[in-house]
Amino acid sequence: MSDQKENQSGTPSKGNETKDEDRDAVLKAWHRTQIIYGYSQQKVKPKQGKEKERKEYEKKYLARYKEPKVKPKKLSNLKYDIDLGRLNLRKHFAPKRREYLAERKEYEKKYLARY
């Protein structure tokens, strides 16, 4: 027979040899992952103070977002003499809107006076 003990069912039981082999296989796999991913070569970074780190971040943030953004100014009083041939409806609707708002205001006054 073999060196391993047999169970009542006839299958050989795992002895110390198989446990050692399993452990060696696990250690080899672990060592391989250490080499592949470079865990063992990574060095611990020195920790900086949180205040110093925060100040550096704030400086970078302010440099990025707090710069005055230059935008071209649009002057509302600029009138162009060039006729582009477009239909300008604003000049037709603006007086009508003013009339409508005035009528509405009068109606609201009357309505509120009732109550």
PDB file of N, CA and C in Angstrom:
ATOM      1  N   MET A   1       0.828  -1.187   0.000  1.00  0.00           N
ATOM      2  CA  MET A   1       0.000   0.000   0.000  1.00  0.00           C
ATOM      3  C   MET A   1       0.859   1.231   0.000  1.00  0.00           C
ATOM      4  N   SER A   2       0.194   2.381  -0.015  1.00  0.00           N
ATOM      5  CA  SER A   2       0.954   3.627  -0.058  1.00  0.00           C
ATOM      6  C   SER A   2       1.295   4.092   1.347  1.00  0.00           C
ATOM      7  N   ASP A   3       2.066   5.196   1.406  1.00  0.00           N
ATOM      8  CA  ASP A   3       2.484   5.731   2.694  1.00  0.00           C
ATOM      9  C   ASP A   3       1.344   6.421   3.424  1.00  0.00           C
ATOM     10  N   GLN A   4       0.335   6.890   2.680  1.00  0.00           N
ATOM     11  CA  GLN A   4      -0.765   7.625   3.301  1.00  0.00           C
ATOM     12  C   GLN A   4      -1.793   6.660   3.873  1.00  0.00           C
ATOM     13  N   LYS A   5      -2.466   7.107   4.920  1.00  0.00           N
ATOM     14  CA  LYS A   5      -3.507   6.296   5.539  1.00  0.00           C
ATOM     15  C   LYS A   5      -4.761   6.371   4.696  1.00  0.00           C
ATOM     16  N   GLU A   6      -5.533   5.317   4.725  1.00  0.00           N
ATOM     17  CA  GLU A   6      -6.774   5.301   3.965  1.00  0.00           C
ATOM     18  C   GLU A   6      -7.948   5.420   4.916  1.00  0.00           C
ATOM     19  N   ASN A   7      -8.982   6.137   4.440  1.00  0.00           N
ATOM     20  CA  ASN A   7     -10.223   6.233   5.209  1.00  0.00           C
ATOM     21  C   ASN A   7     -11.014   4.951   5.045  1.00  0.00           C
ATOM     22  N   GLN A   8     -12.156   4.882   5.710  1.00  0.00           N
ATOM     23  CA  GLN A   8     -13.019   3.723   5.564  1.00  0.00           C
ATOM     24  C   GLN A   8     -13.562   3.641   4.146  1.00  0.00           C
ATOM     25  N   SER A   9     -13.703   4.811   3.475  1.00  0.00           N
ATOM     26  CA  SER A   9     -14.254   4.801   2.120  1.00  0.00           C
ATOM     27  C   SER A   9     -13.214   4.369   1.100  1.00  0.00           C
ATOM     28  N   GLY A  10     -11.951   4.299   1.485  1.00  0.00           N
ATOM     29  CA  GLY A  10     -10.929   3.821   0.572  1.00  0.00           C
ATOM     30  C   GLY A  10     -10.122   4.941  -0.059  1.00  0.00           C
ATOM     31  N   THR A  11     -10.450   6.209   0.215  1.00  0.00           N
ATOM     32  CA  THR A  11      -9.686   7.313  -0.373  1.00  0.00           C
ATOM     33  C   THR A  11      -8.555   7.686   0.569  1.00  0.00           C
ATOM     34  N   PRO A  12      -7.418   8.038   0.028  1.00  0.00           N
ATOM     35  CA  PRO A  12      -6.303   8.406   0.905  1.00  0.00           C
ATOM     36  C   PRO A  12      -6.577   9.747   1.578  1.00  0.00           C
ATOM     37  N   SER A  13      -6.281   9.849   2.870  1.00  0.00           N
ATOM     38  CA  SER A  13      -6.505  11.101   3.591  1.00  0.00           C
ATOM     39  C   SER A  13      -5.296  11.999   3.385  1.00  0.00           C
ATOM     40  N   LYS A  14      -5.544  13.293   3.538  1.00  0.00           N
ATOM     41  CA  LYS A  14      -4.451  14.241   3.360  1.00  0.00           C
ATOM     42  C   LYS A  14      -3.590  14.219   4.612  1.00  0.00           C
ATOM     43  N   GLY A  15      -2.341  14.006   4.419  1.00  0.00           N
ATOM     44  CA  GLY A  15      -1.422  13.992   5.548  1.00  0.00           C
ATOM     45  C   GLY A  15      -0.693  15.311   5.626  1.00  0.00           C
ATOM     46  N   ASN A  16       0.381  15.336   6.356  1.00  0.00           N
ATOM     47  CA  ASN A  16       1.177  16.546   6.522  1.00  0.00           C
ATOM     48  C   ASN A  16       1.835  16.961   5.221  1.00  0.00           C
ATOM     49  N   GLU A  17       2.166  15.998   4.374  1.00  0.00           N
ATOM     50  CA  GLU A  17       2.851  16.306   3.121  1.00  0.00           C
ATOM     51  C   GLU A  17       1.988  17.193   2.227  1.00  0.00           C
ATOM     52  N   THR A  18       0.725  16.876   2.094  1.00  0.00           N
ATOM     53  CA  THR A  18      -0.142  17.670   1.215  1.00  0.00           C
ATOM     54  C   THR A  18      -0.367  19.060   1.784  1.00  0.00           C
ATOM     55  N   LYS A  19      -0.454  19.185   3.090  1.00  0.00           N
ATOM     56  CA  LYS A  19      -0.636  20.503   3.701  1.00  0.00           C
ATOM     57  C   LYS A  19       0.581  21.374   3.437  1.00  0.00           C
ATOM     58  N   ASP A  20       1.758  20.771   3.551  1.00  0.00           N
ATOM     59  CA  ASP A  20       2.985  21.516   3.289  1.00  0.00           C
ATOM     60  C   ASP A  20       3.056  21.936   1.825  1.00  0.00           C
ATOM     61  N   GLU A  21       2.640  21.053   0.934  1.00  0.00           N
ATOM     62  CA  GLU A  21       2.660  21.374  -0.494  1.00  0.00           C
ATOM     63  C   GLU A  21       1.695  22.522  -0.802  1.00  0.00           C
ATOM     64  N   ASP A  22       0.515  22.466  -0.198  1.00  0.00           N
ATOM     65  CA  ASP A  22      -0.462  23.541  -0.410  1.00  0.00           C
ATOM     66  C   ASP A  22       0.078  24.872   0.094  1.00  0.00           C
ATOM     67  N   ARG A  23       0.688  24.824   1.276  1.00  0.00           N
ATOM     68  CA  ARG A  23       1.230  26.055   1.849  1.00  0.00           C
ATOM     69  C   ARG A  23       2.352  26.608   0.969  1.00  0.00           C
ATOM     70  N   ASP A  24       3.203  25.729   0.454  1.00  0.00           N
ATOM     71  CA  ASP A  24       4.287  26.170  -0.427  1.00  0.00           C
ATOM     72  C   ASP A  24       3.728  26.781  -1.707  1.00  0.00           C
ATOM     73  N   ALA A  25       2.679  26.180  -2.247  1.00  0.00           N
ATOM     74  CA  ALA A  25       2.069  26.707  -3.472  1.00  0.00           C
ATOM     75  C   ALA A  25       1.482  28.090  -3.221  1.00  0.00           C
ATOM     76  N   VAL A  26       0.850  28.260  -2.072  1.00  0.00           N
ATOM     77  CA  VAL A  26       0.267  29.560  -1.732  1.00  0.00           C
ATOM     78  C   VAL A  26       1.365  30.603  -1.571  1.00  0.00           C
ATOM     79  N   LEU A  27       2.447  30.225  -0.892  1.00  0.00           N
ATOM     80  CA  LEU A  27       3.559  31.160  -0.704  1.00  0.00           C
ATOM     81  C   LEU A  27       4.204  31.546  -2.034  1.00  0.00           C
ATOM     82  N   LYS A  28       4.335  30.568  -2.939  1.00  0.00           N
ATOM     83  CA  LYS A  28       4.904  30.868  -4.257  1.00  0.00           C
ATOM     84  C   LYS A  28       4.000  31.819  -5.032  1.00  0.00           C
ATOM     85  N   ALA A  29       2.700  31.582  -4.971  1.00  0.00           N
ATOM     86  CA  ALA A  29       1.752  32.460  -5.671  1.00  0.00           C
ATOM     87  C   ALA A  29       1.798  33.859  -5.080  1.00  0.00           C
ATOM     88  N   TRP A  30       1.879  33.943  -3.770  1.00  0.00           N
ATOM     89  CA  TRP A  30       1.946  35.252  -3.110  1.00  0.00           C
ATOM     90  C   TRP A  30       3.224  35.980  -3.513  1.00  0.00           C
ATOM     91  N   HIS A  31       4.339  35.245  -3.552  1.00  0.00           N
ATOM     92  CA  HIS A  31       5.619  35.847  -3.947  1.00  0.00           C
ATOM     93  C   HIS A  31       5.557  36.334  -5.397  1.00  0.00           C
ATOM     94  N   ARG A  32       4.919  35.542  -6.270  1.00  0.00           N
ATOM     95  CA  ARG A  32       4.774  35.951  -7.676  1.00  0.00           C
ATOM     96  C   ARG A  32       3.984  37.252  -7.794  1.00  0.00           C
ATOM     97  N   THR A  33       2.901  37.371  -7.034  1.00  0.00           N
ATOM     98  CA  THR A  33       2.104  38.610  -7.105  1.00  0.00           C
ATOM     99  C   THR A  33       2.895  39.786  -6.563  1.00  0.00           C
ATOM    100  N   GLN A  34       3.725  39.533  -5.553  1.00  0.00           N
ATOM    101  CA  GLN A  34       4.566  40.606  -5.028  1.00  0.00           C
ATOM    102  C   GLN A  34       5.507  41.118  -6.111  1.00  0.00           C
ATOM    103  N   ILE A  35       6.075  40.205  -6.873  1.00  0.00           N
ATOM    104  CA  ILE A  35       7.017  40.587  -7.924  1.00  0.00           C
ATOM    105  C   ILE A  35       6.287  41.267  -9.076  1.00  0.00           C
ATOM    106  N   ILE A  36       5.148  40.701  -9.490  1.00  0.00           N
ATOM    107  CA  ILE A  36       4.417  41.237 -10.643  1.00  0.00           C
ATOM    108  C   ILE A  36       3.930  42.647 -10.377  1.00  0.00           C
ATOM    109  N   TYR A  37       3.284  42.856  -9.254  1.00  0.00           N
ATOM    110  CA  TYR A  37       2.685  44.160  -8.976  1.00  0.00           C
ATOM    111  C   TYR A  37       3.636  45.117  -8.271  1.00  0.00           C
ATOM    112  N   GLY A  38       4.799  44.646  -7.911  1.00  0.00           N
ATOM    113  CA  GLY A  38       5.806  45.510  -7.332  1.00  0.00           C
ATOM    114  C   GLY A  38       5.476  45.999  -5.944  1.00  0.00           C
ATOM    115  N   TYR A  39       4.737  45.204  -5.184  1.00  0.00           N
ATOM    116  CA  TYR A  39       4.384  45.638  -3.833  1.00  0.00           C
ATOM    117  C   TYR A  39       5.627  45.784  -2.960  1.00  0.00           C
ATOM    118  N   SER A  40       6.559  44.864  -3.129  1.00  0.00           N
ATOM    119  CA  SER A  40       7.731  44.894  -2.259  1.00  0.00           C
ATOM    120  C   SER A  40       8.658  46.050  -2.615  1.00  0.00           C
ATOM    121  N   GLN A  41       8.584  46.555  -3.868  1.00  0.00           N
ATOM    122  CA  GLN A  41       9.472  47.637  -4.270  1.00  0.00           C
ATOM    123  C   GLN A  41       8.921  49.011  -3.921  1.00  0.00           C
ATOM    124  N   GLN A  42       7.667  49.085  -3.552  1.00  0.00           N
ATOM    125  CA  GLN A  42       7.090  50.383  -3.213  1.00  0.00           C
ATOM    126  C   GLN A  42       7.638  50.853  -1.880  1.00  0.00           C
ATOM    127  N   LYS A  43       7.990  52.131  -1.849  1.00  0.00           N
ATOM    128  CA  LYS A  43       8.531  52.692  -0.622  1.00  0.00           C
ATOM    129  C   LYS A  43       7.468  53.540   0.054  1.00  0.00           C
ATOM    130  N   VAL A  44       7.554  53.613   1.341  1.00  0.00           N
ATOM    131  CA  VAL A  44       6.606  54.402   2.108  1.00  0.00           C
ATOM    132  C   VAL A  44       6.936  55.874   1.903  1.00  0.00           C
ATOM    133  N   LYS A  45       5.913  56.653   1.536  1.00  0.00           N
ATOM    134  CA  LYS A  45       6.111  58.081   1.312  1.00  0.00           C
ATOM    135  C   LYS A  45       6.110  58.803   2.658  1.00  0.00           C
ATOM    136  N   PRO A  46       6.978  59.782   2.809  1.00  0.00           N
ATOM    137  CA  PRO A  46       6.948  60.534   4.070  1.00  0.00           C
ATOM    138  C   PRO A  46       5.664  61.347   4.160  1.00  0.00           C
ATOM    139  N   LYS A  47       5.040  61.343   5.313  1.00  0.00           N
ATOM    140  CA  LYS A  47       3.771  62.046   5.488  1.00  0.00           C
ATOM    141  C   LYS A  47       4.031  63.524   5.724  1.00  0.00           C
ATOM    142  N   GLN A  48       3.280  64.351   5.011  1.00  0.00           N
ATOM    143  CA  GLN A  48       3.378  65.788   5.220  1.00  0.00           C
ATOM    144  C   GLN A  48       2.261  66.200   6.165  1.00  0.00           C
ATOM    145  N   GLY A  49       2.456  67.343   6.772  1.00  0.00           N
ATOM    146  CA  GLY A  49       1.408  67.845   7.641  1.00  0.00           C
ATOM    147  C   GLY A  49       0.188  68.223   6.832  1.00  0.00           C
ATOM    148  N   LYS A  50      -0.993  68.027   7.402  1.00  0.00           N
ATOM    149  CA  LYS A  50      -2.230  68.337   6.681  1.00  0.00           C
ATOM    150  C   LYS A  50      -2.344  69.822   6.383  1.00  0.00           C
ATOM    151  N   GLU A  51      -1.864  70.646   7.299  1.00  0.00           N
ATOM    152  CA  GLU A  51      -1.950  72.098   7.092  1.00  0.00           C
ATOM    153  C   GLU A  51      -1.119  72.515   5.883  1.00  0.00           C
ATOM    154  N   LYS A  52       0.082  71.985   5.797  1.00  0.00           N
ATOM    155  CA  LYS A  52       0.963  72.328   4.680  1.00  0.00           C
ATOM    156  C   LYS A  52       0.345  71.860   3.366  1.00  0.00           C
ATOM    157  N   GLU A  53      -0.179  70.654   3.379  1.00  0.00           N
ATOM    158  CA  GLU A  53      -0.806  70.091   2.187  1.00  0.00           C
ATOM    159  C   GLU A  53      -2.021  70.922   1.771  1.00  0.00           C
ATOM    160  N   ARG A  54      -2.814  71.346   2.746  1.00  0.00           N
ATOM    161  CA  ARG A  54      -4.010  72.138   2.472  1.00  0.00           C
ATOM    162  C   ARG A  54      -3.638  73.499   1.897  1.00  0.00           C
ATOM    163  N   LYS A  55      -2.594  74.129   2.438  1.00  0.00           N
ATOM    164  CA  LYS A  55      -2.164  75.431   1.931  1.00  0.00           C
ATOM    165  C   LYS A  55      -1.709  75.335   0.484  1.00  0.00           C
ATOM    166  N   GLU A  56      -0.970  74.281   0.164  1.00  0.00           N
ATOM    167  CA  GLU A  56      -0.522  74.084  -1.220  1.00  0.00           C
ATOM    168  C   GLU A  56      -1.723  73.904  -2.142  1.00  0.00           C
ATOM    169  N   TYR A  57      -2.684  73.119  -1.705  1.00  0.00           N
ATOM    170  CA  TYR A  57      -3.869  72.891  -2.528  1.00  0.00           C
ATOM    171  C   TYR A  57      -4.644  74.189  -2.737  1.00  0.00           C
ATOM    172  N   GLU A  58      -4.784  74.987  -1.675  1.00  0.00           N
ATOM    173  CA  GLU A  58      -5.517  76.248  -1.801  1.00  0.00           C
ATOM    174  C   GLU A  58      -4.828  77.195  -2.770  1.00  0.00           C
ATOM    175  N   LYS A  59      -3.501  77.231  -2.742  1.00  0.00           N
ATOM    176  CA  LYS A  59      -2.770  78.078  -3.687  1.00  0.00           C
ATOM    177  C   LYS A  59      -3.056  77.645  -5.119  1.00  0.00           C
ATOM    178  N   LYS A  60      -3.002  76.341  -5.357  1.00  0.00           N
ATOM    179  CA  LYS A  60      -3.272  75.831  -6.707  1.00  0.00           C
ATOM    180  C   LYS A  60      -4.705  76.137  -7.125  1.00  0.00           C
ATOM    181  N   TYR A  61      -5.636  75.961  -6.183  1.00  0.00           N
ATOM    182  CA  TYR A  61      -7.048  76.215  -6.480  1.00  0.00           C
ATOM    183  C   TYR A  61      -7.263  77.675  -6.837  1.00  0.00           C
ATOM    184  N   LEU A  62      -6.691  78.562  -6.025  1.00  0.00           N
ATOM    185  CA  LEU A  62      -6.860  79.987  -6.288  1.00  0.00           C
ATOM    186  C   LEU A  62      -6.225  80.379  -7.610  1.00  0.00           C
ATOM    187  N   ALA A  63      -5.113  79.778  -7.936  1.00  0.00           N
ATOM    188  CA  ALA A  63      -4.452  80.087  -9.201  1.00  0.00           C
ATOM    189  C   ALA A  63      -5.316  79.664 -10.383  1.00  0.00           C
ATOM    190  N   ARG A  64      -6.052  78.568 -10.219  1.00  0.00           N
ATOM    191  CA  ARG A  64      -6.883  78.085 -11.329  1.00  0.00           C
ATOM    192  C   ARG A  64      -8.196  78.832 -11.466  1.00  0.00           C
ATOM    193  N   TYR A  65      -8.903  79.008 -10.352  1.00  0.00           N
ATOM    194  CA  TYR A  65     -10.287  79.455 -10.444  1.00  0.00           C
ATOM    195  C   TYR A  65     -10.541  80.909 -10.089  1.00  0.00           C
ATOM    196  N   LYS A  66      -9.648  81.539  -9.391  1.00  0.00           N
ATOM    197  CA  LYS A  66      -9.921  82.890  -8.945  1.00  0.00           C
ATOM    198  C   LYS A  66      -9.283  83.958  -9.828  1.00  0.00           C
ATOM    199  N   GLU A  67      -8.728  83.560 -10.959  1.00  0.00           N
ATOM    200  CA  GLU A  67      -8.178  84.551 -11.878  1.00  0.00           C
ATOM    201  C   GLU A  67      -9.329  85.336 -12.492  1.00  0.00           C
ATOM    202  N   PRO A  68      -9.162  86.632 -12.643  1.00  0.00           N
ATOM    203  CA  PRO A  68     -10.227  87.397 -13.298  1.00  0.00           C
ATOM    204  C   PRO A  68     -10.308  86.997 -14.765  1.00  0.00           C
ATOM    205  N   LYS A  69     -11.467  86.554 -15.140  1.00  0.00           N
ATOM    206  CA  LYS A  69     -11.655  86.117 -16.518  1.00  0.00           C
ATOM    207  C   LYS A  69     -12.033  87.316 -17.369  1.00  0.00           C
ATOM    208  N   VAL A  70     -11.283  87.514 -18.407  1.00  0.00           N
ATOM    209  CA  VAL A  70     -11.494  88.664 -19.269  1.00  0.00           C
ATOM    210  C   VAL A  70     -12.518  88.286 -20.334  1.00  0.00           C
ATOM    211  N   LYS A  71     -13.600  89.040 -20.359  1.00  0.00           N
ATOM    212  CA  LYS A  71     -14.629  88.827 -21.370  1.00  0.00           C
ATOM    213  C   LYS A  71     -14.840  90.138 -22.103  1.00  0.00           C
ATOM    214  N   PRO A  72     -15.098  90.062 -23.375  1.00  0.00           N
ATOM    215  CA  PRO A  72     -15.362  91.308 -24.101  1.00  0.00           C
ATOM    216  C   PRO A  72     -16.673  91.923 -23.618  1.00  0.00           C
ATOM    217  N   LYS A  73     -16.648  93.221 -23.409  1.00  0.00           N
ATOM    218  CA  LYS A  73     -17.836  93.907 -22.915  1.00  0.00           C
ATOM    219  C   LYS A  73     -18.724  94.290 -24.087  1.00  0.00           C
ATOM    220  N   LYS A  74     -19.996  94.005 -23.929  1.00  0.00           N
ATOM    221  CA  LYS A  74     -20.960  94.384 -24.951  1.00  0.00           C
ATOM    222  C   LYS A  74     -21.631  95.673 -24.503  1.00  0.00           C
ATOM    223  N   LEU A  75     -21.511  96.673 -25.305  1.00  0.00           N
ATOM    224  CA  LEU A  75     -22.119  97.954 -24.970  1.00  0.00           C
ATOM    225  C   LEU A  75     -23.551  97.975 -25.484  1.00  0.00           C
ATOM    226  N   SER A  76     -24.480  98.285 -24.595  1.00  0.00           N
ATOM    227  CA  SER A  76     -25.885  98.275 -24.989  1.00  0.00           C
ATOM    228  C   SER A  76     -26.260  99.528 -25.768  1.00  0.00           C
ATOM    229  N   ASN A  77     -25.475 100.580 -25.617  1.00  0.00           N
ATOM    230  CA  ASN A  77     -25.831 101.816 -26.304  1.00  0.00           C
ATOM    231  C   ASN A  77     -25.247 101.889 -27.714  1.00  0.00           C
ATOM    232  N   LEU A  78     -24.612 100.825 -28.142  1.00  0.00           N
ATOM    233  CA  LEU A  78     -24.052 100.826 -29.492  1.00  0.00           C
ATOM    234  C   LEU A  78     -25.159 100.568 -30.506  1.00  0.00           C
ATOM    235  N   LYS A  79     -25.287 101.427 -31.447  1.00  0.00           N
ATOM    236  CA  LYS A  79     -26.259 101.239 -32.526  1.00  0.00           C
ATOM    237  C   LYS A  79     -25.476 101.169 -33.828  1.00  0.00           C
ATOM    238  N   TYR A  80     -25.782 100.179 -34.593  1.00  0.00           N
ATOM    239  CA  TYR A  80     -25.084 100.026 -35.854  1.00  0.00           C
ATOM    240  C   TYR A  80     -25.896 100.680 -36.961  1.00  0.00           C
ATOM    241  N   ASP A  81     -25.221 101.379 -37.811  1.00  0.00           N
ATOM    242  CA  ASP A  81     -25.877 102.041 -38.929  1.00  0.00           C
ATOM    243  C   ASP A  81     -26.030 101.101 -40.117  1.00  0.00           C
ATOM    244  N   ILE A  82     -25.428  99.950 -40.020  1.00  0.00           N
ATOM    245  CA  ILE A  82     -25.466  99.022 -41.141  1.00  0.00           C
ATOM    246  C   ILE A  82     -26.796  98.278 -41.117  1.00  0.00           C
ATOM    247  N   ASP A  83     -27.505  98.299 -42.237  1.00  0.00           N
ATOM    248  CA  ASP A  83     -28.763  97.570 -42.351  1.00  0.00           C
ATOM    249  C   ASP A  83     -28.453  96.201 -42.930  1.00  0.00           C
ATOM    250  N   LEU A  84     -28.695  95.172 -42.137  1.00  0.00           N
ATOM    251  CA  LEU A  84     -28.393  93.823 -42.591  1.00  0.00           C
ATOM    252  C   LEU A  84     -29.571  93.188 -43.321  1.00  0.00           C
ATOM    253  N   GLY A  85     -30.669  93.903 -43.415  1.00  0.00           N
ATOM    254  CA  GLY A  85     -31.824  93.365 -44.112  1.00  0.00           C
ATOM    255  C   GLY A  85     -32.651  92.430 -43.252  1.00  0.00           C
ATOM    256  N   ARG A  86     -32.432  92.430 -41.969  1.00  0.00           N
ATOM    257  CA  ARG A  86     -33.199  91.560 -41.078  1.00  0.00           C
ATOM    258  C   ARG A  86     -34.428  92.299 -40.583  1.00  0.00           C
ATOM    259  N   LEU A  87     -35.437  91.535 -40.275  1.00  0.00           N
ATOM    260  CA  LEU A  87     -36.658  92.111 -39.744  1.00  0.00           C
ATOM    261  C   LEU A  87     -36.503  92.259 -38.236  1.00  0.00           C
ATOM    262  N   ASN A  88     -36.574  93.481 -37.746  1.00  0.00           N
ATOM    263  CA  ASN A  88     -36.428  93.741 -36.324  1.00  0.00           C
ATOM    264  C   ASN A  88     -37.817  93.908 -35.723  1.00  0.00           C
ATOM    265  N   LEU A  89     -38.272  92.883 -35.009  1.00  0.00           N
ATOM    266  CA  LEU A  89     -39.613  92.902 -34.437  1.00  0.00           C
ATOM    267  C   LEU A  89     -39.651  93.579 -33.074  1.00  0.00           C
ATOM    268  N   ARG A  90     -38.519  93.803 -32.476  1.00  0.00           N
ATOM    269  CA  ARG A  90     -38.487  94.386 -31.138  1.00  0.00           C
ATOM    270  C   ARG A  90     -39.126  95.773 -31.123  1.00  0.00           C
ATOM    271  N   LYS A  91     -38.831  96.549 -32.124  1.00  0.00           N
ATOM    272  CA  LYS A  91     -39.382  97.908 -32.134  1.00  0.00           C
ATOM    273  C   LYS A  91     -40.904  97.900 -32.280  1.00  0.00           C
ATOM    274  N   HIS A  92     -41.480  96.809 -32.797  1.00  0.00           N
ATOM    275  CA  HIS A  92     -42.928  96.704 -32.926  1.00  0.00           C
ATOM    276  C   HIS A  92     -43.575  96.172 -31.647  1.00  0.00           C
ATOM    277  N   PHE A  93     -42.891  95.248 -30.991  1.00  0.00           N
ATOM    278  CA  PHE A  93     -43.492  94.605 -29.827  1.00  0.00           C
ATOM    279  C   PHE A  93     -43.264  95.366 -28.527  1.00  0.00           C
ATOM    280  N   ALA A  94     -42.209  96.137 -28.425  1.00  0.00           N
ATOM    281  CA  ALA A  94     -41.914  96.851 -27.180  1.00  0.00           C
ATOM    282  C   ALA A  94     -43.031  97.820 -26.800  1.00  0.00           C
ATOM    283  N   PRO A  95     -43.525  98.687 -27.691  1.00  0.00           N
ATOM    284  CA  PRO A  95     -44.622  99.593 -27.294  1.00  0.00           C
ATOM    285  C   PRO A  95     -45.904  98.838 -26.938  1.00  0.00           C
ATOM    286  N   LYS A  96     -46.200  97.760 -27.664  1.00  0.00           N
ATOM    287  CA  LYS A  96     -47.403  96.981 -27.370  1.00  0.00           C
ATOM    288  C   LYS A  96     -47.296  96.338 -25.988  1.00  0.00           C
ATOM    289  N   ARG A  97     -46.112  95.876 -25.645  1.00  0.00           N
ATOM    290  CA  ARG A  97     -45.915  95.260 -24.327  1.00  0.00           C
ATOM    291  C   ARG A  97     -46.105  96.293 -23.227  1.00  0.00           C
ATOM    292  N   ARG A  98     -45.574  97.487 -23.433  1.00  0.00           N
ATOM    293  CA  ARG A  98     -45.743  98.549 -22.433  1.00  0.00           C
ATOM    294  C   ARG A  98     -47.224  98.862 -22.233  1.00  0.00           C
ATOM    295  N   GLU A  99     -47.976  98.950 -23.326  1.00  0.00           N
ATOM    296  CA  GLU A  99     -49.416  99.211 -23.229  1.00  0.00           C
ATOM    297  C   GLU A  99     -50.111  98.081 -22.457  1.00  0.00           C
ATOM    298  N   TYR A 100     -49.766  96.856 -22.795  1.00  0.00           N
ATOM    299  CA  TYR A 100     -50.371  95.696 -22.145  1.00  0.00           C
ATOM    300  C   TYR A 100     -50.074  95.699 -20.647  1.00  0.00           C
ATOM    301  N   LEU A 101     -48.832  95.981 -20.271  1.00  0.00           N
ATOM    302  CA  LEU A 101     -48.468  95.999 -18.854  1.00  0.00           C
ATOM    303  C   LEU A 101     -49.172  97.128 -18.115  1.00  0.00           C
ATOM    304  N   ALA A 102     -49.349  98.273 -18.780  1.00  0.00           N
ATOM    305  CA  ALA A 102     -50.054  99.392 -18.149  1.00  0.00           C
ATOM    306  C   ALA A 102     -51.515  99.016 -17.895  1.00  0.00           C
ATOM    307  N   GLU A 103     -52.180  98.397 -18.895  1.00  0.00           N
ATOM    308  CA  GLU A 103     -53.566  97.951 -18.727  1.00  0.00           C
ATOM    309  C   GLU A 103     -53.674  96.927 -17.594  1.00  0.00           C
ATOM    310  N   ARG A 104     -52.734  96.039 -17.540  1.00  0.00           N
ATOM    311  CA  ARG A 104     -52.744  95.002 -16.517  1.00  0.00           C
ATOM    312  C   ARG A 104     -52.606  95.616 -15.123  1.00  0.00           C
ATOM    313  N   LYS A 105     -51.733  96.611 -15.013  1.00  0.00           N
ATOM    314  CA  LYS A 105     -51.525  97.269 -13.730  1.00  0.00           C
ATOM    315  C   LYS A 105     -52.805  97.965 -13.264  1.00  0.00           C
ATOM    316  N   GLU A 106     -53.487  98.633 -14.208  1.00  0.00           N
ATOM    317  CA  GLU A 106     -54.747  99.305 -13.874  1.00  0.00           C
ATOM    318  C   GLU A 106     -55.784  98.287 -13.406  1.00  0.00           C
ATOM    319  N   TYR A 107     -55.883  97.175 -14.113  1.00  0.00           N
ATOM    320  CA  TYR A 107     -56.840  96.133 -13.749  1.00  0.00           C
ATOM    321  C   TYR A 107     -56.545  95.596 -12.352  1.00  0.00           C
ATOM    322  N   GLU A 108     -55.259  95.368 -12.061  1.00  0.00           N
ATOM    323  CA  GLU A 108     -54.890  94.858 -10.741  1.00  0.00           C
ATOM    324  C   GLU A 108     -55.284  95.834  -9.640  1.00  0.00           C
ATOM    325  N   LYS A 109     -55.107  97.130  -9.905  1.00  0.00           N
ATOM    326  CA  LYS A 109     -55.498  98.143  -8.919  1.00  0.00           C
ATOM    327  C   LYS A 109     -56.998  98.084  -8.667  1.00  0.00           C
ATOM    328  N   LYS A 110     -57.785  97.981  -9.758  1.00  0.00           N
ATOM    329  CA  LYS A 110     -59.240  97.898  -9.622  1.00  0.00           C
ATOM    330  C   LYS A 110     -59.636  96.633  -8.863  1.00  0.00           C
ATOM    331  N   TYR A 111     -58.985  95.536  -9.199  1.00  0.00           N
ATOM    332  CA  TYR A 111     -59.302  94.253  -8.575  1.00  0.00           C
ATOM    333  C   TYR A 111     -59.006  94.301  -7.080  1.00  0.00           C
ATOM    334  N   LEU A 112     -57.866  94.857  -6.723  1.00  0.00           N
ATOM    335  CA  LEU A 112     -57.499  94.948  -5.306  1.00  0.00           C
ATOM    336  C   LEU A 112     -58.389  95.927  -4.553  1.00  0.00           C
ATOM    337  N   ALA A 113     -58.881  96.948  -5.257  1.00  0.00           N
ATOM    338  CA  ALA A 113     -59.751  97.929  -4.612  1.00  0.00           C
ATOM    339  C   ALA A 113     -61.092  97.295  -4.238  1.00  0.00           C
ATOM    340  N   ARG A 114     -61.527  96.294  -4.993  1.00  0.00           N
ATOM    341  CA  ARG A 114     -62.790  95.617  -4.700  1.00  0.00           C
ATOM    342  C   ARG A 114     -62.733  94.876  -3.374  1.00  0.00           C
ATOM    343  N   TYR A 115     -61.595  94.388  -3.000  1.00  0.00           N
ATOM    344  CA  TYR A 115     -61.497  93.538  -1.807  1.00  0.00           C
ATOM    345  C   TYR A 115     -60.805  94.241  -0.730  1.00  0.00           C
TER     346      TYR A 115
END
